Structure formats: structure tokens, C-alpha cells
mmCIF file of all heavy atoms, coordinates in Angstrom:
data_MODEL
# 
_entry.id   MODEL 
# 
loop_
_atom_site.group_PDB 
_atom_site.id 
_atom_site.type_symbol 
_atom_site.label_atom_id 
_atom_site.label_alt_id 
_atom_site.label_comp_id 
_atom_site.label_asym_id 
_atom_site.label_entity_id 
_atom_site.label_seq_id 
_atom_site.pdbx_PDB_ins_code 
_atom_site.Cartn_x 
_atom_site.Cartn_y 
_atom_site.Cartn_z 
_atom_site.occupancy 
_atom_site.B_iso_or_equiv 
_atom_site.pdbx_formal_charge 
_atom_site.auth_seq_id 
_atom_site.auth_comp_id 
_atom_site.auth_asym_id 
_atom_site.auth_atom_id 
_atom_site.pdbx_PDB_model_num 
ATOM 1   N N   . VAL A 1 1  ? 9.639   -1.928  -7.436  1.00 0.00 ? 1  VAL A N   1 
ATOM 2   C CA  . VAL A 1 1  ? 8.592   -0.965  -7.809  1.00 0.00 ? 1  VAL A CA  1 
ATOM 3   C C   . VAL A 1 1  ? 7.539   -0.881  -6.705  1.00 0.00 ? 1  VAL A C   1 
ATOM 4   O O   . VAL A 1 1  ? 7.127   0.205   -6.300  1.00 0.00 ? 1  VAL A O   1 
ATOM 5   C CB  . VAL A 1 1  ? 7.936   -1.351  -9.156  1.00 0.00 ? 1  VAL A CB  1 
ATOM 6   C CG1 . VAL A 1 1  ? 6.673   -0.552  -9.410  1.00 0.00 ? 1  VAL A CG1 1 
ATOM 7   C CG2 . VAL A 1 1  ? 8.929   -1.146  -10.297 1.00 0.00 ? 1  VAL A CG2 1 
ATOM 8   N N   . LEU A 1 2  ? 7.096   -2.028  -6.210  1.00 0.00 ? 2  LEU A N   1 
ATOM 9   C CA  . LEU A 1 2  ? 6.084   -2.024  -5.158  1.00 0.00 ? 2  LEU A CA  1 
ATOM 10  C C   . LEU A 1 2  ? 6.627   -1.451  -3.853  1.00 0.00 ? 2  LEU A C   1 
ATOM 11  O O   . LEU A 1 2  ? 5.919   -0.721  -3.158  1.00 0.00 ? 2  LEU A O   1 
ATOM 12  C CB  . LEU A 1 2  ? 5.523   -3.428  -4.958  1.00 0.00 ? 2  LEU A CB  1 
ATOM 13  C CG  . LEU A 1 2  ? 4.644   -3.936  -6.109  1.00 0.00 ? 2  LEU A CG  1 
ATOM 14  C CD1 . LEU A 1 2  ? 4.239   -5.383  -5.869  1.00 0.00 ? 2  LEU A CD1 1 
ATOM 15  C CD2 . LEU A 1 2  ? 3.419   -3.070  -6.302  1.00 0.00 ? 2  LEU A CD2 1 
ATOM 16  N N   . ALA A 1 3  ? 7.876   -1.764  -3.530  1.00 0.00 ? 3  ALA A N   1 
ATOM 17  C CA  . ALA A 1 3  ? 8.482   -1.233  -2.301  1.00 0.00 ? 3  ALA A CA  1 
ATOM 18  C C   . ALA A 1 3  ? 8.565   0.286   -2.351  1.00 0.00 ? 3  ALA A C   1 
ATOM 19  O O   . ALA A 1 3  ? 8.351   0.960   -1.338  1.00 0.00 ? 3  ALA A O   1 
ATOM 20  C CB  . ALA A 1 3  ? 9.863   -1.840  -2.091  1.00 0.00 ? 3  ALA A CB  1 
ATOM 21  N N   . ALA A 1 4  ? 8.829   0.836   -3.518  1.00 0.00 ? 4  ALA A N   1 
ATOM 22  C CA  . ALA A 1 4  ? 8.900   2.293   -3.672  1.00 0.00 ? 4  ALA A CA  1 
ATOM 23  C C   . ALA A 1 4  ? 7.553   2.946   -3.384  1.00 0.00 ? 4  ALA A C   1 
ATOM 24  O O   . ALA A 1 4  ? 7.484   4.119   -3.022  1.00 0.00 ? 4  ALA A O   1 
ATOM 25  C CB  . ALA A 1 4  ? 9.381   2.648   -5.075  1.00 0.00 ? 4  ALA A CB  1 
ATOM 26  N N   . GLN A 1 5  ? 6.481   2.184   -3.546  1.00 0.00 ? 5  GLN A N   1 
ATOM 27  C CA  . GLN A 1 5  ? 5.132   2.694   -3.279  1.00 0.00 ? 5  GLN A CA  1 
ATOM 28  C C   . GLN A 1 5  ? 4.639   2.285   -1.888  1.00 0.00 ? 5  GLN A C   1 
ATOM 29  O O   . GLN A 1 5  ? 3.472   2.498   -1.554  1.00 0.00 ? 5  GLN A O   1 
ATOM 30  C CB  . GLN A 1 5  ? 4.166   2.192   -4.342  1.00 0.00 ? 5  GLN A CB  1 
ATOM 31  C CG  . GLN A 1 5  ? 4.502   2.708   -5.728  1.00 0.00 ? 5  GLN A CG  1 
ATOM 32  C CD  . GLN A 1 5  ? 3.581   2.133   -6.791  1.00 0.00 ? 5  GLN A CD  1 
ATOM 33  O OE1 . GLN A 1 5  ? 2.633   1.421   -6.501  1.00 0.00 ? 5  GLN A OE1 1 
ATOM 34  N NE2 . GLN A 1 5  ? 3.878   2.456   -8.034  1.00 0.00 ? 5  GLN A NE2 1 
ATOM 35  N N   . GLY A 1 6  ? 5.524   1.650   -1.111  1.00 0.00 ? 6  GLY A N   1 
ATOM 36  C CA  . GLY A 1 6  ? 5.180   1.263   0.249   1.00 0.00 ? 6  GLY A CA  1 
ATOM 37  C C   . GLY A 1 6  ? 4.454   -0.064  0.375   1.00 0.00 ? 6  GLY A C   1 
ATOM 38  O O   . GLY A 1 6  ? 3.788   -0.312  1.375   1.00 0.00 ? 6  GLY A O   1 
ATOM 39  N N   . TYR A 1 7  ? 4.562   -0.913  -0.623  1.00 0.00 ? 7  TYR A N   1 
ATOM 40  C CA  . TYR A 1 7  ? 3.866   -2.195  -0.624  1.00 0.00 ? 7  TYR A CA  1 
ATOM 41  C C   . TYR A 1 7  ? 4.846   -3.358  -0.635  1.00 0.00 ? 7  TYR A C   1 
ATOM 42  O O   . TYR A 1 7  ? 5.954   -3.239  -1.141  1.00 0.00 ? 7  TYR A O   1 
ATOM 43  C CB  . TYR A 1 7  ? 3.017   -2.369  -1.893  1.00 0.00 ? 7  TYR A CB  1 
ATOM 44  C CG  . TYR A 1 7  ? 1.793   -1.526  -1.964  1.00 0.00 ? 7  TYR A CG  1 
ATOM 45  C CD1 . TYR A 1 7  ? 1.744   -0.422  -2.798  1.00 0.00 ? 7  TYR A CD1 1 
ATOM 46  C CD2 . TYR A 1 7  ? 0.667   -1.840  -1.229  1.00 0.00 ? 7  TYR A CD2 1 
ATOM 47  C CE1 . TYR A 1 7  ? 0.607   0.359   -2.895  1.00 0.00 ? 7  TYR A CE1 1 
ATOM 48  C CE2 . TYR A 1 7  ? -0.475  -1.069  -1.311  1.00 0.00 ? 7  TYR A CE2 1 
ATOM 49  C CZ  . TYR A 1 7  ? -0.504  0.025   -2.144  1.00 0.00 ? 7  TYR A CZ  1 
ATOM 50  O OH  . TYR A 1 7  ? -1.628  0.786   -2.230  1.00 0.00 ? 7  TYR A OH  1 
ATOM 51  N N   . THR A 1 8  ? 4.350   -4.482  -0.118  1.00 0.00 ? 8  THR A N   1 
ATOM 52  C CA  . THR A 1 8  ? 4.968   -5.769  -0.410  1.00 0.00 ? 8  THR A CA  1 
ATOM 53  C C   . THR A 1 8  ? 4.095   -6.368  -1.510  1.00 0.00 ? 8  THR A C   1 
ATOM 54  O O   . THR A 1 8  ? 2.967   -5.901  -1.741  1.00 0.00 ? 8  THR A O   1 
ATOM 55  C CB  . THR A 1 8  ? 4.943   -6.697  0.814   1.00 0.00 ? 8  THR A CB  1 
ATOM 56  O OG1 . THR A 1 8  ? 3.577   -6.952  1.171   1.00 0.00 ? 8  THR A OG1 1 
ATOM 57  C CG2 . THR A 1 8  ? 5.697   -6.096  1.990   1.00 0.00 ? 8  THR A CG2 1 
ATOM 58  N N   . VAL A 1 9  ? 4.559   -7.399  -2.162  1.00 0.00 ? 9  VAL A N   1 
ATOM 59  C CA  . VAL A 1 9  ? 3.747   -8.040  -3.197  1.00 0.00 ? 9  VAL A CA  1 
ATOM 60  C C   . VAL A 1 9  ? 2.468   -8.594  -2.568  1.00 0.00 ? 9  VAL A C   1 
ATOM 61  O O   . VAL A 1 9  ? 1.366   -8.363  -3.074  1.00 0.00 ? 9  VAL A O   1 
ATOM 62  C CB  . VAL A 1 9  ? 4.541   -9.146  -3.931  1.00 0.00 ? 9  VAL A CB  1 
ATOM 63  C CG1 . VAL A 1 9  ? 3.640   -9.924  -4.870  1.00 0.00 ? 9  VAL A CG1 1 
ATOM 64  C CG2 . VAL A 1 9  ? 5.702   -8.533  -4.707  1.00 0.00 ? 9  VAL A CG2 1 
ATOM 65  N N   . ALA A 1 10 ? 2.605   -9.285  -1.448  1.00 0.00 ? 10 ALA A N   1 
ATOM 66  C CA  . ALA A 1 10 ? 1.434   -9.854  -0.781  1.00 0.00 ? 10 ALA A CA  1 
ATOM 67  C C   . ALA A 1 10 ? 0.474   -8.762  -0.323  1.00 0.00 ? 10 ALA A C   1 
ATOM 68  O O   . ALA A 1 10 ? -0.750  -8.903  -0.435  1.00 0.00 ? 10 ALA A O   1 
ATOM 69  C CB  . ALA A 1 10 ? 1.863   -10.714 0.402   1.00 0.00 ? 10 ALA A CB  1 
ATOM 70  N N   . GLY A 1 11 ? 0.998   -7.671  0.190   1.00 0.00 ? 11 GLY A N   1 
ATOM 71  C CA  . GLY A 1 11 ? 0.154   -6.565  0.640   1.00 0.00 ? 11 GLY A CA  1 
ATOM 72  C C   . GLY A 1 11 ? -0.611  -5.929  -0.498  1.00 0.00 ? 11 GLY A C   1 
ATOM 73  O O   . GLY A 1 11 ? -1.791  -5.591  -0.359  1.00 0.00 ? 11 GLY A O   1 
ATOM 74  N N   . TRP A 1 12 ? 0.047   -5.774  -1.627  1.00 0.00 ? 12 TRP A N   1 
ATOM 75  C CA  . TRP A 1 12 ? -0.622  -5.194  -2.799  1.00 0.00 ? 12 TRP A CA  1 
ATOM 76  C C   . TRP A 1 12 ? -1.730  -6.115  -3.297  1.00 0.00 ? 12 TRP A C   1 
ATOM 77  O O   . TRP A 1 12 ? -2.842  -5.664  -3.595  1.00 0.00 ? 12 TRP A O   1 
ATOM 78  C CB  . TRP A 1 12 ? 0.389   -4.933  -3.913  1.00 0.00 ? 12 TRP A CB  1 
ATOM 79  C CG  . TRP A 1 12 ? -0.228  -4.272  -5.100  1.00 0.00 ? 12 TRP A CG  1 
ATOM 80  C CD1 . TRP A 1 12 ? -0.453  -2.946  -5.262  1.00 0.00 ? 12 TRP A CD1 1 
ATOM 81  C CD2 . TRP A 1 12 ? -0.715  -4.920  -6.278  1.00 0.00 ? 12 TRP A CD2 1 
ATOM 82  N NE1 . TRP A 1 12 ? -1.055  -2.724  -6.480  1.00 0.00 ? 12 TRP A NE1 1 
ATOM 83  C CE2 . TRP A 1 12 ? -1.228  -3.920  -7.124  1.00 0.00 ? 12 TRP A CE2 1 
ATOM 84  C CE3 . TRP A 1 12 ? -0.775  -6.230  -6.697  1.00 0.00 ? 12 TRP A CE3 1 
ATOM 85  C CZ2 . TRP A 1 12 ? -1.785  -4.205  -8.358  1.00 0.00 ? 12 TRP A CZ2 1 
ATOM 86  C CZ3 . TRP A 1 12 ? -1.336  -6.515  -7.930  1.00 0.00 ? 12 TRP A CZ3 1 
ATOM 87  C CH2 . TRP A 1 12 ? -1.826  -5.510  -8.750  1.00 0.00 ? 12 TRP A CH2 1 
ATOM 88  N N   . ILE A 1 13 ? -1.444  -7.410  -3.353  1.00 0.00 ? 13 ILE A N   1 
ATOM 89  C CA  . ILE A 1 13 ? -2.459  -8.382  -3.799  1.00 0.00 ? 13 ILE A CA  1 
ATOM 90  C C   . ILE A 1 13 ? -3.649  -8.365  -2.837  1.00 0.00 ? 13 ILE A C   1 
ATOM 91  O O   . ILE A 1 13 ? -4.802  -8.340  -3.274  1.00 0.00 ? 13 ILE A O   1 
ATOM 92  C CB  . ILE A 1 13 ? -1.855  -9.795  -3.913  1.00 0.00 ? 13 ILE A CB  1 
ATOM 93  C CG1 . ILE A 1 13 ? -0.860  -9.841  -5.086  1.00 0.00 ? 13 ILE A CG1 1 
ATOM 94  C CG2 . ILE A 1 13 ? -2.946  -10.849 -4.082  1.00 0.00 ? 13 ILE A CG2 1 
ATOM 95  C CD1 . ILE A 1 13 ? -0.019  -11.100 -5.128  1.00 0.00 ? 13 ILE A CD1 1 
ATOM 96  N N   . ARG A 1 14 ? -3.384  -8.367  -1.538  1.00 0.00 ? 14 ARG A N   1 
ATOM 97  C CA  . ARG A 1 14 ? -4.459  -8.344  -0.544  1.00 0.00 ? 14 ARG A CA  1 
ATOM 98  C C   . ARG A 1 14 ? -5.307  -7.079  -0.701  1.00 0.00 ? 14 ARG A C   1 
ATOM 99  O O   . ARG A 1 14 ? -6.538  -7.143  -0.672  1.00 0.00 ? 14 ARG A O   1 
ATOM 100 C CB  . ARG A 1 14 ? -3.880  -8.423  0.872   1.00 0.00 ? 14 ARG A CB  1 
ATOM 101 C CG  . ARG A 1 14 ? -4.920  -8.479  1.964   1.00 0.00 ? 14 ARG A CG  1 
ATOM 102 C CD  . ARG A 1 14 ? -4.319  -8.657  3.364   1.00 0.00 ? 14 ARG A CD  1 
ATOM 103 N NE  . ARG A 1 14 ? -3.151  -7.824  3.621   1.00 0.00 ? 14 ARG A NE  1 
ATOM 104 C CZ  . ARG A 1 14 ? -1.890  -8.255  3.631   1.00 0.00 ? 14 ARG A CZ  1 
ATOM 105 N NH1 . ARG A 1 14 ? -1.604  -9.514  3.409   1.00 0.00 ? 14 ARG A NH1 1 
ATOM 106 N NH2 . ARG A 1 14 ? -0.897  -7.420  3.870   1.00 0.00 ? 14 ARG A NH2 1 
ATOM 107 N N   . GLU A 1 15 ? -4.674  -5.945  -0.903  1.00 0.00 ? 15 GLU A N   1 
ATOM 108 C CA  . GLU A 1 15 ? -5.415  -4.694  -1.086  1.00 0.00 ? 15 GLU A CA  1 
ATOM 109 C C   . GLU A 1 15 ? -6.313  -4.753  -2.323  1.00 0.00 ? 15 GLU A C   1 
ATOM 110 O O   . GLU A 1 15 ? -7.463  -4.305  -2.289  1.00 0.00 ? 15 GLU A O   1 
ATOM 111 C CB  . GLU A 1 15 ? -4.452  -3.513  -1.190  1.00 0.00 ? 15 GLU A CB  1 
ATOM 112 C CG  . GLU A 1 15 ? -5.185  -2.189  -1.273  1.00 0.00 ? 15 GLU A CG  1 
ATOM 113 C CD  . GLU A 1 15 ? -4.241  -1.014  -1.243  1.00 0.00 ? 15 GLU A CD  1 
ATOM 114 O OE1 . GLU A 1 15 ? -3.518  -0.861  -0.234  1.00 0.00 ? 15 GLU A OE1 1 
ATOM 115 O OE2 . GLU A 1 15 ? -4.237  -0.259  -2.227  1.00 0.00 ? 15 GLU A OE2 1 
ATOM 116 N N   . GLN A 1 16 ? -5.789  -5.310  -3.407  1.00 0.00 ? 16 GLN A N   1 
ATOM 117 C CA  . GLN A 1 16 ? -6.591  -5.433  -4.625  1.00 0.00 ? 16 GLN A CA  1 
ATOM 118 C C   . GLN A 1 16 ? -7.777  -6.357  -4.419  1.00 0.00 ? 16 GLN A C   1 
ATOM 119 O O   . GLN A 1 16 ? -8.896  -6.076  -4.865  1.00 0.00 ? 16 GLN A O   1 
ATOM 120 C CB  . GLN A 1 16 ? -5.725  -5.947  -5.784  1.00 0.00 ? 16 GLN A CB  1 
ATOM 121 C CG  . GLN A 1 16 ? -4.588  -5.013  -6.164  1.00 0.00 ? 16 GLN A CG  1 
ATOM 122 C CD  . GLN A 1 16 ? -5.072  -3.622  -6.513  1.00 0.00 ? 16 GLN A CD  1 
ATOM 123 O OE1 . GLN A 1 16 ? -5.921  -3.447  -7.370  1.00 0.00 ? 16 GLN A OE1 1 
ATOM 124 N NE2 . GLN A 1 16 ? -4.535  -2.635  -5.813  1.00 0.00 ? 16 GLN A NE2 1 
ATOM 125 N N   . ARG A 1 17 ? -7.562  -7.467  -3.733  1.00 0.00 ? 17 ARG A N   1 
ATOM 126 C CA  . ARG A 1 17 ? -8.655  -8.411  -3.468  1.00 0.00 ? 17 ARG A CA  1 
ATOM 127 C C   . ARG A 1 17 ? -9.735  -7.774  -2.591  1.00 0.00 ? 17 ARG A C   1 
ATOM 128 O O   . ARG A 1 17 ? -10.928 -7.914  -2.859  1.00 0.00 ? 17 ARG A O   1 
ATOM 129 C CB  . ARG A 1 17 ? -8.117  -9.677  -2.796  1.00 0.00 ? 17 ARG A CB  1 
ATOM 130 C CG  . ARG A 1 17 ? -7.338  -10.550 -3.731  1.00 0.00 ? 17 ARG A CG  1 
ATOM 131 C CD  . ARG A 1 17 ? -6.760  -11.742 -3.020  1.00 0.00 ? 17 ARG A CD  1 
ATOM 132 N NE  . ARG A 1 17 ? -6.122  -12.633 -3.978  1.00 0.00 ? 17 ARG A NE  1 
ATOM 133 C CZ  . ARG A 1 17 ? -5.465  -13.716 -3.644  1.00 0.00 ? 17 ARG A CZ  1 
ATOM 134 N NH1 . ARG A 1 17 ? -5.359  -14.070 -2.373  1.00 0.00 ? 17 ARG A NH1 1 
ATOM 135 N NH2 . ARG A 1 17 ? -4.914  -14.471 -4.562  1.00 0.00 ? 17 ARG A NH2 1 
ATOM 136 N N   . LEU A 1 18 ? -9.308  -7.074  -1.547  1.00 0.00 ? 18 LEU A N   1 
ATOM 137 C CA  . LEU A 1 18 ? -10.276 -6.426  -0.661  1.00 0.00 ? 18 LEU A CA  1 
ATOM 138 C C   . LEU A 1 18 ? -11.051 -5.330  -1.384  1.00 0.00 ? 18 LEU A C   1 
ATOM 139 O O   . LEU A 1 18 ? -12.253 -5.160  -1.157  1.00 0.00 ? 18 LEU A O   1 
ATOM 140 C CB  . LEU A 1 18 ? -9.574  -5.865  0.574   1.00 0.00 ? 18 LEU A CB  1 
ATOM 141 C CG  . LEU A 1 18 ? -9.075  -6.913  1.571   1.00 0.00 ? 18 LEU A CG  1 
ATOM 142 C CD1 . LEU A 1 18 ? -8.197  -6.261  2.639   1.00 0.00 ? 18 LEU A CD1 1 
ATOM 143 C CD2 . LEU A 1 18 ? -10.234 -7.660  2.209   1.00 0.00 ? 18 LEU A CD2 1 
ATOM 144 N N   . ALA A 1 19 ? -10.397 -4.605  -2.260  1.00 0.00 ? 19 ALA A N   1 
ATOM 145 C CA  . ALA A 1 19 ? -11.087 -3.562  -3.034  1.00 0.00 ? 19 ALA A CA  1 
ATOM 146 C C   . ALA A 1 19 ? -12.154 -4.177  -3.940  1.00 0.00 ? 19 ALA A C   1 
ATOM 147 O O   . ALA A 1 19 ? -13.251 -3.623  -4.088  1.00 0.00 ? 19 ALA A O   1 
ATOM 148 C CB  . ALA A 1 19 ? -10.083 -2.764  -3.859  1.00 0.00 ? 19 ALA A CB  1 
ATOM 149 N N   . ARG A 1 20 ? -11.862 -5.319  -4.522  1.00 0.00 ? 20 ARG A N   1 
ATOM 150 C CA  . ARG A 1 20 ? -12.849 -5.992  -5.373  1.00 0.00 ? 20 ARG A CA  1 
ATOM 151 C C   . ARG A 1 20 ? -14.004 -6.538  -4.539  1.00 0.00 ? 20 ARG A C   1 
ATOM 152 O O   . ARG A 1 20 ? -15.160 -6.492  -4.964  1.00 0.00 ? 20 ARG A O   1 
ATOM 153 C CB  . ARG A 1 20 ? -12.175 -7.069  -6.200  1.00 0.00 ? 20 ARG A CB  1 
ATOM 154 C CG  . ARG A 1 20 ? -11.392 -6.451  -7.355  1.00 0.00 ? 20 ARG A CG  1 
ATOM 155 C CD  . ARG A 1 20 ? -10.442 -7.435  -7.997  1.00 0.00 ? 20 ARG A CD  1 
ATOM 156 N NE  . ARG A 1 20 ? -9.789  -6.870  -9.163  1.00 0.00 ? 20 ARG A NE  1 
ATOM 157 C CZ  . ARG A 1 20 ? -8.764  -6.037  -9.135  1.00 0.00 ? 20 ARG A CZ  1 
ATOM 158 N NH1 . ARG A 1 20 ? -8.277  -5.629  -7.988  1.00 0.00 ? 20 ARG A NH1 1 
ATOM 159 N NH2 . ARG A 1 20 ? -8.216  -5.590  -10.249 1.00 0.00 ? 20 ARG A NH2 1 
ATOM 160 N N   . CYS A 1 21 ? -13.703 -7.024  -3.341  1.00 0.00 ? 21 CYS A N   1 
ATOM 161 C CA  . CYS A 1 21 ? -14.767 -7.470  -2.441  1.00 0.00 ? 21 CYS A CA  1 
ATOM 162 C C   . CYS A 1 21 ? -15.659 -6.288  -2.063  1.00 0.00 ? 21 CYS A C   1 
ATOM 163 O O   . CYS A 1 21 ? -16.894 -6.413  -2.058  1.00 0.00 ? 21 CYS A O   1 
ATOM 164 C CB  . CYS A 1 21 ? -14.180 -8.089  -1.177  1.00 0.00 ? 21 CYS A CB  1 
ATOM 165 S SG  . CYS A 1 21 ? -13.357 -9.668  -1.436  1.00 0.00 ? 21 CYS A SG  1 
ATOM 166 N N   . ARG A 1 22 ? -15.055 -5.169  -1.764  1.00 0.00 ? 22 ARG A N   1 
ATOM 167 C CA  . ARG A 1 22 ? -15.826 -3.976  -1.400  1.00 0.00 ? 22 ARG A CA  1 
ATOM 168 C C   . ARG A 1 22 ? -16.748 -3.567  -2.545  1.00 0.00 ? 22 ARG A C   1 
ATOM 169 O O   . ARG A 1 22 ? -17.909 -3.233  -2.330  1.00 0.00 ? 22 ARG A O   1 
ATOM 170 C CB  . ARG A 1 22 ? -14.875 -2.846  -1.040  1.00 0.00 ? 22 ARG A CB  1 
ATOM 171 C CG  . ARG A 1 22 ? -15.553 -1.625  -0.494  1.00 0.00 ? 22 ARG A CG  1 
ATOM 172 C CD  . ARG A 1 22 ? -14.516 -0.585  -0.136  1.00 0.00 ? 22 ARG A CD  1 
ATOM 173 N NE  . ARG A 1 22 ? -15.114 0.478   0.652   1.00 0.00 ? 22 ARG A NE  1 
ATOM 174 C CZ  . ARG A 1 22 ? -14.514 1.588   0.974   1.00 0.00 ? 22 ARG A CZ  1 
ATOM 175 N NH1 . ARG A 1 22 ? -13.268 1.799   0.592   1.00 0.00 ? 22 ARG A NH1 1 
ATOM 176 N NH2 . ARG A 1 22 ? -15.119 2.500   1.677   1.00 0.00 ? 22 ARG A NH2 1 
ATOM 177 N N   . ARG A 1 23 ? -16.225 -3.609  -3.753  1.00 0.00 ? 23 ARG A N   1 
ATOM 178 C CA  . ARG A 1 23 ? -17.031 -3.284  -4.930  1.00 0.00 ? 23 ARG A CA  1 
ATOM 179 C C   . ARG A 1 23 ? -18.198 -4.261  -5.068  1.00 0.00 ? 23 ARG A C   1 
ATOM 180 O O   . ARG A 1 23 ? -19.330 -3.851  -5.310  1.00 0.00 ? 23 ARG A O   1 
ATOM 181 C CB  . ARG A 1 23 ? -16.157 -3.329  -6.186  1.00 0.00 ? 23 ARG A CB  1 
ATOM 182 C CG  . ARG A 1 23 ? -16.911 -2.944  -7.458  1.00 0.00 ? 23 ARG A CG  1 
ATOM 183 C CD  . ARG A 1 23 ? -16.162 -3.348  -8.696  1.00 0.00 ? 23 ARG A CD  1 
ATOM 184 N NE  . ARG A 1 23 ? -16.068 -4.811  -8.730  1.00 0.00 ? 23 ARG A NE  1 
ATOM 185 C CZ  . ARG A 1 23 ? -15.138 -5.482  -9.359  1.00 0.00 ? 23 ARG A CZ  1 
ATOM 186 N NH1 . ARG A 1 23 ? -14.186 -4.850  -10.017 1.00 0.00 ? 23 ARG A NH1 1 
ATOM 187 N NH2 . ARG A 1 23 ? -15.125 -6.801  -9.367  1.00 0.00 ? 23 ARG A NH2 1 
ATOM 188 N N   . ASP A 1 24 ? -17.927 -5.545  -4.882  1.00 0.00 ? 24 ASP A N   1 
ATOM 189 C CA  . ASP A 1 24 ? -18.986 -6.556  -4.999  1.00 0.00 ? 24 ASP A CA  1 
ATOM 190 C C   . ASP A 1 24 ? -20.039 -6.398  -3.906  1.00 0.00 ? 24 ASP A C   1 
ATOM 191 O O   . ASP A 1 24 ? -21.229 -6.598  -4.153  1.00 0.00 ? 24 ASP A O   1 
ATOM 192 C CB  . ASP A 1 24 ? -18.404 -7.967  -4.958  1.00 0.00 ? 24 ASP A CB  1 
ATOM 193 C CG  . ASP A 1 24 ? -17.720 -8.368  -6.254  1.00 0.00 ? 24 ASP A CG  1 
ATOM 194 O OD1 . ASP A 1 24 ? -17.697 -7.556  -7.208  1.00 0.00 ? 24 ASP A OD1 1 
ATOM 195 O OD2 . ASP A 1 24 ? -17.206 -9.498  -6.307  1.00 0.00 ? 24 ASP A OD2 1 
ATOM 196 N N   . LEU A 1 25 ? -19.627 -6.042  -2.700  1.00 0.00 ? 25 LEU A N   1 
ATOM 197 C CA  . LEU A 1 25 ? -20.580 -5.855  -1.608  1.00 0.00 ? 25 LEU A CA  1 
ATOM 198 C C   . LEU A 1 25 ? -21.482 -4.643  -1.858  1.00 0.00 ? 25 LEU A C   1 
ATOM 199 O O   . LEU A 1 25 ? -22.607 -4.595  -1.356  1.00 0.00 ? 25 LEU A O   1 
ATOM 200 C CB  . LEU A 1 25 ? -19.846 -5.703  -0.276  1.00 0.00 ? 25 LEU A CB  1 
ATOM 201 C CG  . LEU A 1 25 ? -19.167 -6.972  0.235   1.00 0.00 ? 25 LEU A CG  1 
ATOM 202 C CD1 . LEU A 1 25 ? -18.224 -6.639  1.382   1.00 0.00 ? 25 LEU A CD1 1 
ATOM 203 C CD2 . LEU A 1 25 ? -20.186 -8.015  0.648   1.00 0.00 ? 25 LEU A CD2 1 
ATOM 204 N N   . ALA A 1 26 ? -21.004 -3.703  -2.635  1.00 0.00 ? 26 ALA A N   1 
ATOM 205 C CA  . ALA A 1 26 ? -21.799 -2.516  -2.959  1.00 0.00 ? 26 ALA A CA  1 
ATOM 206 C C   . ALA A 1 26 ? -22.706 -2.741  -4.164  1.00 0.00 ? 26 ALA A C   1 
ATOM 207 O O   . ALA A 1 26 ? -23.537 -1.892  -4.477  1.00 0.00 ? 26 ALA A O   1 
ATOM 208 C CB  . ALA A 1 26 ? -20.864 -1.339  -3.238  1.00 0.00 ? 26 ALA A CB  1 
ATOM 209 N N   . ASP A 1 27 ? -22.577 -3.873  -4.821  1.00 0.00 ? 27 ASP A N   1 
ATOM 210 C CA  . ASP A 1 27 ? -23.354 -4.164  -6.029  1.00 0.00 ? 27 ASP A CA  1 
ATOM 211 C C   . ASP A 1 27 ? -24.651 -4.880  -5.668  1.00 0.00 ? 27 ASP A C   1 
ATOM 212 O O   . ASP A 1 27 ? -24.624 -6.023  -5.221  1.00 0.00 ? 27 ASP A O   1 
ATOM 213 C CB  . ASP A 1 27 ? -22.513 -5.040  -6.964  1.00 0.00 ? 27 ASP A CB  1 
ATOM 214 C CG  . ASP A 1 27 ? -23.167 -5.301  -8.301  1.00 0.00 ? 27 ASP A CG  1 
ATOM 215 O OD1 . ASP A 1 27 ? -24.373 -4.988  -8.461  1.00 0.00 ? 27 ASP A OD1 1 
ATOM 216 O OD2 . ASP A 1 27 ? -22.480 -5.830  -9.188  1.00 0.00 ? 27 ASP A OD2 1 
ATOM 217 N N   . PRO A 1 28 ? -25.795 -4.233  -5.873  1.00 0.00 ? 28 PRO A N   1 
ATOM 218 C CA  . PRO A 1 28 ? -27.074 -4.875  -5.522  1.00 0.00 ? 28 PRO A CA  1 
ATOM 219 C C   . PRO A 1 28 ? -27.325 -6.173  -6.288  1.00 0.00 ? 28 PRO A C   1 
ATOM 220 O O   . PRO A 1 28 ? -28.031 -7.052  -5.790  1.00 0.00 ? 28 PRO A O   1 
ATOM 221 C CB  . PRO A 1 28 ? -28.123 -3.826  -5.901  1.00 0.00 ? 28 PRO A CB  1 
ATOM 222 C CG  . PRO A 1 28 ? -27.398 -2.560  -6.094  1.00 0.00 ? 28 PRO A CG  1 
ATOM 223 C CD  . PRO A 1 28 ? -25.974 -2.893  -6.380  1.00 0.00 ? 28 PRO A CD  1 
ATOM 224 N N   . ALA A 1 29 ? -26.742 -6.317  -7.449  1.00 0.00 ? 29 ALA A N   1 
ATOM 225 C CA  . ALA A 1 29 ? -26.934 -7.538  -8.234  1.00 0.00 ? 29 ALA A CA  1 
ATOM 226 C C   . ALA A 1 29 ? -26.284 -8.750  -7.569  1.00 0.00 ? 29 ALA A C   1 
ATOM 227 O O   . ALA A 1 29 ? -26.602 -9.886  -7.921  1.00 0.00 ? 29 ALA A O   1 
ATOM 228 C CB  . ALA A 1 29 ? -26.374 -7.350  -9.641  1.00 0.00 ? 29 ALA A CB  1 
# 
């Protein structure tokens, strides 16, 4: 399923982690 979307499992996990970091960096709290 992930390969069909152009991801490896590790790549998908890394992308999700970085997206959450980006969200946290944008949070003034």
C-alpha cells in the first residue's frame, strides 16, 4: 500500500514525525 503511494515504511514514518515537529514549531504554546 505504501509503495503504491511512493513511500517506504520508514519514509512514511519520517514524514509523519517531521510534520508533527513542524506543527509543534508553529505552536506558540
